[in-house]
Protein backbone atom coordinates (compact mmCIF):
# COMPACT_ATOMS: atom_id res chain seq x y z
CA UNK A 1 -10.23 -23.83 -40.07
CA UNK A 2 -8.89 -23.65 -36.63
CA UNK A 3 -7.75 -19.97 -37.60
CA UNK A 4 -11.04 -19.05 -39.10
CA UNK A 5 -13.01 -20.33 -35.49
CA UNK A 6 -10.07 -18.57 -33.57
CA UNK A 7 -10.42 -15.37 -35.38
CA UNK A 8 -14.28 -15.55 -35.08
CA UNK A 9 -13.77 -15.87 -31.23
CA UNK A 10 -11.39 -13.09 -31.03
CA UNK A 11 -13.89 -10.37 -33.14
CA UNK A 12 -16.70 -11.67 -30.94
CA UNK A 13 -14.78 -11.20 -28.03
CA UNK A 14 -13.76 -7.34 -29.08
CA UNK A 15 -17.50 -6.64 -30.63
CA UNK A 16 -18.65 -7.86 -26.73
CA UNK A 17 -15.80 -5.54 -24.80
CA UNK A 18 -16.94 -2.80 -27.40
CA UNK A 19 -21.18 -2.69 -26.44
CA UNK A 20 -20.10 -3.49 -22.60
CA UNK A 21 -17.91 -0.55 -22.42
CA UNK A 22 -20.90 1.88 -24.53
CA UNK A 23 -23.31 0.11 -22.40
CA UNK A 24 -21.79 0.45 -18.79
CA UNK A 25 -20.40 4.18 -19.93
CA UNK A 26 -24.17 4.94 -20.48
CA UNK A 27 -25.46 3.64 -17.58
CA UNK A 28 -25.98 5.41 -14.34
CA UNK A 29 -28.10 7.30 -11.62
CA UNK A 30 -28.95 8.60 -15.39
CA UNK A 31 -28.78 7.21 -18.62
CA UNK A 32 -26.69 9.47 -20.89
CA UNK A 33 -25.92 8.92 -24.37
CA UNK A 34 -22.19 9.03 -25.16
CA UNK A 35 -22.94 10.51 -28.84
CA UNK A 36 -24.59 13.12 -27.83
CA UNK A 37 -23.74 14.48 -24.57
CA UNK A 38 -23.51 18.09 -23.80
CA UNK A 39 -22.51 20.28 -20.81
CA UNK A 40 -22.94 18.53 -17.75
CA UNK A 41 -23.94 15.03 -19.04
CA UNK A 42 -20.50 15.63 -21.09
CA UNK A 43 -18.53 16.08 -17.82
CA UNK A 44 -20.45 13.39 -16.19
CA UNK A 45 -19.33 10.85 -18.84
CA UNK A 46 -15.65 11.75 -19.58
CA UNK A 47 -14.62 13.21 -16.41
CA UNK A 48 -16.62 10.89 -13.49
CA UNK A 49 -17.64 7.53 -15.43
CA UNK A 50 -14.93 7.26 -17.63
CA UNK A 51 -11.75 7.35 -15.65
CA UNK A 52 -13.90 4.67 -13.10
CA UNK A 53 -14.73 2.04 -16.17
CA UNK A 54 -11.16 2.28 -17.21
CA UNK A 55 -9.86 1.57 -13.83
CA UNK A 56 -12.41 -1.05 -13.73
CA UNK A 57 -11.45 -2.68 -16.91
CA UNK A 58 -7.51 -2.47 -15.66
CA UNK A 59 -7.80 -4.11 -12.38
CA UNK A 60 -10.13 -6.80 -13.70
CA UNK A 61 -7.82 -7.76 -16.17
CA UNK A 62 -5.03 -7.88 -13.90
CA UNK A 63 -6.81 -9.66 -11.11
CA UNK A 64 -7.61 -12.35 -14.06
CA UNK A 65 -3.86 -12.50 -15.07
CA UNK A 66 -2.76 -13.28 -11.86
CA UNK A 67 -5.82 -15.75 -11.30
CA UNK A 68 -3.93 -17.94 -14.44
CA UNK A 69 -0.41 -17.49 -13.16
CA UNK A 70 -1.33 -18.53 -9.68
CA UNK A 71 -3.42 -21.96 -10.92
CA UNK A 72 0.19 -22.26 -13.00
CA UNK A 73 2.28 -21.73 -10.26
CA UNK A 74 0.44 -23.63 -7.00
CA UNK A 75 -0.77 -26.65 -9.46
CA UNK A 76 -4.39 -25.73 -8.15
CA UNK A 77 -7.17 -24.75 -10.62
CA UNK A 78 -9.03 -23.22 -7.76
CA UNK A 79 -6.48 -21.05 -6.55
CA UNK A 80 -7.03 -17.08 -7.18
CA UNK A 81 -4.85 -14.13 -6.26
CA UNK A 82 -5.60 -13.60 -2.82
CA UNK A 83 -4.64 -17.41 -2.07
CA UNK A 84 -1.44 -16.52 -0.52
CA UNK A 85 -2.57 -13.43 1.91
CA UNK A 86 -1.28 -10.71 -0.18
CA UNK A 87 -4.59 -8.96 -0.12
CA UNK A 88 -5.00 -10.02 3.65
CA UNK A 89 -1.21 -7.57 3.98
CA UNK A 90 -2.62 -5.11 2.17
CA UNK A 91 -5.94 -4.63 3.83
CA UNK A 92 -3.66 -4.07 7.02
CA UNK A 93 -1.34 -1.75 5.14
CA UNK A 94 -4.72 0.10 4.26
CA UNK A 95 -6.45 0.50 7.63
CA UNK A 96 -3.09 1.05 9.44
CA UNK A 97 -2.57 4.36 7.09
CA UNK A 98 -6.05 4.95 7.50
CA UNK A 99 -5.42 5.19 11.55
CA UNK A 100 -2.64 7.48 11.04
CA UNK A 101 -3.72 9.95 8.73
CA UNK A 102 -7.47 9.77 8.55
CA UNK A 103 -8.21 13.11 6.63
CA UNK A 104 -5.89 12.62 3.45
CA UNK A 105 -7.63 11.16 0.38
CA UNK A 106 -4.74 8.99 -0.99
CA UNK A 107 -3.44 7.65 2.25
CA UNK A 108 -5.34 4.13 2.05
CA UNK A 109 -3.90 3.53 -1.55
CA UNK A 110 -0.14 4.31 0.05
CA UNK A 111 -0.77 1.93 2.84
CA UNK A 112 -2.24 -0.87 0.54
CA UNK A 113 0.89 -1.10 -2.00
CA UNK A 114 3.21 -1.04 1.09
CA UNK A 115 1.18 -3.48 3.03
CA UNK A 116 0.77 -5.86 0.22
CA UNK A 117 4.95 -5.80 -0.98
CA UNK A 118 5.45 -6.58 2.77
CA UNK A 119 3.25 -9.85 2.33
CA UNK A 120 4.97 -10.43 -1.37
CA UNK A 121 8.30 -10.51 0.99
CA UNK A 122 6.87 -13.18 3.40
CA UNK A 123 5.15 -15.11 0.95
CA UNK A 124 9.12 -15.17 -0.80
CA UNK A 125 10.52 -16.03 1.86
CA UNK A 126 8.88 -19.40 1.66
CA UNK A 127 9.00 -19.93 -2.02
CA UNK A 128 11.83 -22.35 -2.14
CA UNK A 129 10.32 -24.82 0.09
CA UNK A 130 7.81 -26.20 -2.69
CA UNK A 131 4.56 -25.63 -4.37
CA UNK A 132 2.63 -27.49 -0.94
CA UNK A 133 4.42 -25.88 1.36
CA UNK A 134 3.92 -22.26 0.31
CA UNK A 135 0.41 -22.96 -0.30
CA UNK A 136 0.21 -23.63 3.30
CA UNK A 137 2.53 -20.66 4.12
CA UNK A 138 -0.06 -18.48 2.57
CA UNK A 139 -2.99 -19.58 4.29
CA UNK A 140 -1.18 -19.30 7.45
CA UNK A 141 -0.43 -15.66 6.72
CA UNK A 142 -3.61 -14.88 5.49
CA UNK A 143 -4.69 -15.96 8.98
CA UNK A 144 -2.25 -13.76 10.92
CA UNK A 145 -3.43 -10.87 8.54
CA UNK A 146 -6.77 -11.43 9.55
CA UNK A 147 -6.02 -10.95 12.91
CA UNK A 148 -4.34 -8.02 12.78
CA UNK A 149 -6.70 -6.39 10.59
CA UNK A 150 -9.53 -6.93 13.13
CA UNK A 151 -7.01 -5.99 15.05
CA UNK A 152 -6.36 -2.12 13.75
CA UNK A 153 -10.46 -2.20 13.14
CA UNK A 154 -10.95 -2.37 16.87
CA UNK A 155 -8.31 0.38 17.61
CA UNK A 156 -9.66 2.41 14.28
CA UNK A 157 -11.99 5.71 14.98
CA UNK A 158 -15.39 5.30 14.35
CA UNK A 159 -15.76 7.87 11.38
CA UNK A 160 -12.91 5.59 9.37
CA UNK A 161 -14.91 2.89 9.62
CA UNK A 162 -17.29 2.67 6.59
CA UNK A 163 -14.42 3.86 4.29
CA UNK A 164 -12.45 1.02 5.39
CA UNK A 165 -15.22 -1.33 5.21
CA UNK A 166 -16.04 -0.23 1.88
CA UNK A 167 -12.61 -0.24 0.77
CA UNK A 168 -12.45 -4.20 2.30
CA UNK A 169 -15.45 -5.12 0.31
CA UNK A 170 -13.89 -3.57 -2.96
CA UNK A 171 -14.76 -0.32 -3.96
CA UNK A 172 -13.59 1.43 -7.22
CA UNK A 173 -14.86 5.19 -5.59
CA UNK A 174 -11.58 5.64 -3.97
CA UNK A 175 -9.17 4.60 -6.59
CA UNK A 176 -6.48 7.40 -6.09
CA UNK A 177 -3.80 5.64 -8.74
CA UNK A 178 -3.58 7.39 -12.53
CA UNK A 179 -5.28 5.66 -15.11
CA UNK A 180 -2.43 5.55 -17.44
CA UNK A 181 -0.38 3.34 -14.48
CA UNK A 182 -3.07 1.26 -14.37
CA UNK A 183 -3.33 0.75 -18.28
CA UNK A 184 0.54 0.36 -18.56
CA UNK A 185 0.61 -2.44 -16.28
CA UNK A 186 -2.42 -3.96 -17.47
CA UNK A 187 0.19 -4.19 -20.97
CA UNK A 188 3.15 -4.55 -19.22
CA UNK A 189 1.67 -7.71 -17.61
CA UNK A 190 0.01 -9.09 -21.03
CA UNK A 191 3.36 -8.76 -22.51
CA UNK A 192 5.17 -10.32 -19.71
CA UNK A 193 2.21 -13.15 -20.11
CA UNK A 194 3.06 -13.80 -23.86
CA UNK A 195 7.01 -14.24 -23.08
CA UNK A 196 5.93 -16.72 -20.61
CA UNK A 197 3.18 -18.20 -22.15
CA UNK A 198 5.55 -21.29 -24.05
CA UNK A 199 6.92 -22.21 -20.43
CA UNK A 200 3.76 -21.75 -18.63
CA UNK A 201 2.30 -24.78 -21.09
CA UNK A 202 5.27 -27.11 -20.84
CA UNK A 203 4.84 -26.70 -16.49
CA UNK A 204 1.70 -28.08 -16.97
CA UNK A 205 3.10 -31.19 -18.44
CA UNK A 206 4.83 -31.67 -14.62
CA UNK A 207 7.74 -30.28 -13.31
CA UNK A 208 9.98 -33.54 -14.64
CA UNK A 209 8.92 -33.01 -18.11
CA UNK A 210 9.74 -29.26 -17.62
CA UNK A 211 12.84 -29.87 -16.23
CA UNK A 212 13.79 -32.50 -19.14
CA UNK A 213 12.71 -29.95 -21.82
CA UNK A 214 15.64 -27.67 -20.17
CA UNK A 215 13.08 -25.40 -18.18
CA UNK A 216 14.49 -23.95 -14.83
CA UNK A 217 11.39 -24.54 -12.68
CA UNK A 218 12.58 -22.75 -9.60
CA UNK A 219 13.17 -20.21 -11.51
CA UNK A 220 10.26 -19.80 -13.55
CA UNK A 221 7.86 -20.47 -10.24
CA UNK A 222 10.14 -17.36 -8.36
CA UNK A 223 8.87 -15.46 -11.39
CA UNK A 224 5.50 -16.19 -11.71
CA UNK A 225 4.78 -15.42 -8.02
CA UNK A 226 6.73 -12.41 -7.89
CA UNK A 227 4.81 -11.20 -11.04
CA UNK A 228 1.39 -12.48 -10.02
CA UNK A 229 1.76 -11.21 -6.67
CA UNK A 230 3.13 -7.53 -7.95
CA UNK A 231 0.05 -7.39 -9.98
CA UNK A 232 -2.22 -8.64 -7.24
CA UNK A 233 -1.14 -5.54 -5.17
CA UNK A 234 -1.35 -3.18 -7.57
CA UNK A 235 -5.19 -4.12 -8.34
CA UNK A 236 -5.90 -4.18 -4.61
CA UNK A 237 -4.10 -0.74 -4.41
CA UNK A 238 -6.33 0.61 -6.53
CA UNK A 239 -10.16 -0.66 -5.59
CA UNK A 240 -9.37 -2.95 -2.18
CA UNK A 241 -10.37 -6.49 -1.82
CA UNK A 242 -12.13 -8.15 -5.13
CA UNK A 243 -12.05 -11.39 -4.82
CA UNK A 244 -13.15 -14.31 -7.20
CA UNK A 245 -12.13 -12.13 -10.55
CA UNK A 246 -9.07 -14.31 -10.99
CA UNK A 247 -11.06 -17.61 -10.12
CA UNK A 248 -13.85 -17.51 -12.98
CA UNK A 249 -12.15 -15.46 -15.57
CA UNK A 250 -9.84 -17.85 -16.34
CA UNK A 251 -11.63 -21.17 -16.26
CA UNK A 252 -14.28 -19.51 -18.45
CA UNK A 253 -11.60 -18.51 -20.95
CA UNK A 254 -9.75 -21.87 -21.17
CA UNK A 255 -13.22 -23.59 -21.80
CA UNK A 256 -13.47 -21.40 -25.02
CA UNK A 257 -9.73 -21.13 -26.16
CA UNK A 258 -8.04 -24.42 -24.79
CA UNK A 259 -5.28 -24.41 -22.23
CA UNK A 260 -2.29 -23.00 -24.73
CA UNK A 261 -1.72 -19.51 -22.58
CA UNK A 262 -0.95 -17.29 -25.53
CA UNK A 263 -4.38 -17.71 -25.90
CA UNK A 264 -5.60 -17.69 -22.09
CA UNK A 265 -3.87 -14.90 -20.99
CA UNK A 266 -4.86 -12.13 -23.30
CA UNK A 267 -8.82 -13.59 -23.08
CA UNK A 268 -8.40 -13.30 -19.82
CA UNK A 269 -7.16 -9.69 -19.54
CA UNK A 270 -10.14 -8.36 -21.65
CA UNK A 271 -12.55 -11.00 -19.87
CA UNK A 272 -11.78 -9.83 -16.08
CA UNK A 273 -11.78 -5.87 -17.65
CA UNK A 274 -15.43 -6.70 -19.08
CA UNK A 275 -16.56 -8.63 -15.84
CA UNK A 276 -15.64 -6.03 -13.70
CA UNK A 277 -16.99 -3.21 -15.37
CA UNK A 278 -20.09 -4.92 -15.67
CA UNK A 279 -20.30 -5.56 -11.86
CA UNK A 280 -19.08 -1.95 -10.99
CA UNK A 281 -22.03 -0.55 -13.42
CA UNK A 282 -24.35 -2.79 -11.59
CA UNK A 283 -22.98 -1.71 -7.88
CA UNK A 284 -23.80 1.99 -9.02
CA UNK A 285 -27.09 1.43 -10.27
CA UNK A 286 -28.79 -0.85 -8.27
CA UNK A 287 -29.54 1.08 -5.49
CA UNK A 288 -28.81 4.69 -6.77
CA UNK A 289 -27.41 7.02 -5.38
CA UNK A 290 -26.21 4.88 -2.85
CA UNK A 291 -23.60 2.25 -4.05
CA UNK A 292 -22.55 -1.31 -3.19
CA UNK A 293 -19.64 -2.48 -2.83
CA UNK A 294 -18.33 -4.14 -6.63
CA UNK A 295 -16.68 -6.92 -4.45
CA UNK A 296 -20.10 -8.19 -3.22
CA UNK A 297 -21.21 -8.27 -6.72
CA UNK A 298 -18.23 -10.69 -7.77
CA UNK A 299 -18.51 -12.79 -4.84
CA UNK A 300 -21.92 -13.70 -5.56
CA UNK A 301 -20.96 -14.40 -8.94
CA UNK A 302 -17.97 -16.19 -7.79
CA UNK A 303 -19.05 -18.14 -4.97
CA UNK A 304 -21.41 -20.41 -6.94
CA UNK A 305 -18.65 -21.21 -9.38
CA UNK A 306 -15.75 -22.22 -6.68
CA UNK A 307 -18.27 -24.69 -5.20
CA UNK A 308 -18.94 -25.94 -8.46
CA UNK A 309 -15.40 -26.60 -9.88
CA UNK A 310 -14.84 -27.97 -6.08
CA UNK A 311 -17.50 -30.31 -6.50
CA UNK A 312 -16.22 -31.49 -10.14
CA UNK A 313 -12.25 -31.92 -9.08
CA UNK A 314 -11.55 -35.34 -8.57
CA UNK A 315 -10.36 -36.03 -4.80
C-alpha cells in the first residue's frame, strides 16, 4: 500500500510538472499554442521562452536542494541557501564587475560566480568551529557583504543602477549561463543527494547517534557546506538573488513525503523548478510588456511561510 501511495504521489508530481511546463510555455504577452506555433510564434516559443523556462526550472531545483541540505547542515528548519552570506558576496562580485565593464553582457555572471566562491571560502574557514559559530559567522559575513554592496551601489554609474537592482532582486532575463550547464548541475546535485541521503537521515538523529553509527560528522558537514554553497553560487550566478525557494519547497515536500531524504531531495528538485517556473511566468506577464523581478514574487510567497514556521517552532 505504501509503494502504491508513493507511486501515485510521484505520478501526480510528474503530471503537475508537465501541465505547468505547457502552461508557462504558452503564457506571455500573447498566448501561443505550442502544438500549433509556426513562424515568429515558433521562434518566440522555442528560442526565447523555452530556454528561460528551463533556466527557471534548473535554478529553482538547485535552490530547493541547497535549502534541504542547509537545513540538515545547520540543524535549523528555518535555514535557506542565503543564510551564510553566499548570495551577498555574489552580489558584491556582480556589482563590482559591472562597475569595471558596464557594457559587457556576461560580466555580472562572471563577477557573481567569483564573488560567491569568495563567500564560500570565507564560510569554510569557520566550518570547523561547529554549527552555531558557523551560523553566527555567516550572519556577520552577510552583514559585511551588505555594507560593501551599499558602498559599491553608491559609486556605481547611474546607467548601471537599474541592471544591478534588477539582478539583486532576481531576474532570469540576464542569465548568460548555458542551459546544458544548469541542467547538468541540477542532475549532478540530485545524484550527490542520493549518495548522501542515508547519511543525512542518520544526521537528523543527532551527532552522537551519527558518530555511533560510523558517520564522520565533521567530514559530512564540510561536504554538505561545500556542495550546498557551490549549488547556491551557480543559481545566484544564473538568476541573481532569489530568496525563499530553498525554505518553502523542502518543507512542503517533507509534508508530502516524510523526512527520508531519498524522497525529499528529488521531490524538492522538481518542486523548486515548478515554483520558480510559475513565479517567473507571473513576473513576466503580470505587467507585460514590462517585467517584475521574480525575487519579489518568491519573497511574497516565502515571507508568510517563514513567519508561520517561526511561530510554530518551539522556543
